[in-house]
């Protein structure tokens, strides 16, 4: 089994994310791609720090 890369925006195209909205809608909720990626990085640092 391969590790899922959370930074890969394609992850937003699978369930359960797809049920919440499109990838562009979800990224827009973060304020854009750069803010989304920064949020993911900060989350990973908190989880795996």
Protein backbone atom coordinates (compact mmCIF):
# COMPACT_ATOMS: atom_id res chain seq x y z
CA UNK A 1 0.00 0.00 0.00
CA UNK A 2 1.43 3.38 -0.96
CA UNK A 3 1.34 6.46 1.24
CA UNK A 4 -1.18 9.11 0.23
CA UNK A 5 0.38 12.51 -0.33
CA UNK A 6 -1.92 15.04 1.31
CA UNK A 7 -0.23 17.86 -0.58
CA UNK A 8 -1.47 16.38 -3.85
CA UNK A 9 -4.61 18.30 -4.72
CA UNK A 10 -6.00 15.21 -6.46
CA UNK A 11 -6.85 13.85 -3.01
CA UNK A 12 -9.73 16.35 -2.95
CA UNK A 13 -11.37 14.48 -5.84
CA UNK A 14 -12.08 11.34 -3.79
CA UNK A 15 -14.69 10.61 -1.14
CA UNK A 16 -15.36 12.02 1.40
CA UNK A 17 -13.96 15.29 0.03
CA UNK A 18 -15.91 14.99 -3.21
CA UNK A 19 -19.13 14.85 -1.19
CA UNK A 20 -18.30 18.21 0.42
CA UNK A 21 -17.50 20.10 -2.80
CA UNK A 22 -15.24 20.29 -5.82
CA UNK A 23 -11.50 20.60 -5.39
CA UNK A 24 -11.61 24.25 -6.44
CA UNK A 25 -14.43 24.99 -3.98
CA UNK A 26 -12.55 23.35 -1.13
CA UNK A 27 -9.30 25.13 -1.96
CA UNK A 28 -11.23 28.38 -2.20
CA UNK A 29 -12.42 27.89 1.38
CA UNK A 30 -8.77 28.10 2.45
CA UNK A 31 -8.21 31.26 0.45
CA UNK A 32 -6.47 29.67 -2.53
CA UNK A 33 -3.90 27.03 -3.39
CA UNK A 34 -1.00 28.56 -1.46
CA UNK A 35 -3.08 28.92 1.71
CA UNK A 36 -4.41 25.35 1.31
CA UNK A 37 -0.90 23.92 0.99
CA UNK A 38 0.31 25.97 3.97
CA UNK A 39 -2.59 24.68 6.07
CA UNK A 40 -1.83 21.09 5.10
CA UNK A 41 1.83 21.58 5.97
CA UNK A 42 0.95 23.07 9.36
CA UNK A 43 -1.46 20.20 10.07
CA UNK A 44 1.18 17.62 9.20
CA UNK A 45 3.70 19.36 11.47
CA UNK A 46 1.20 19.21 14.35
CA UNK A 47 0.37 15.57 13.70
CA UNK A 48 3.83 14.22 12.94
CA UNK A 49 6.02 17.04 14.31
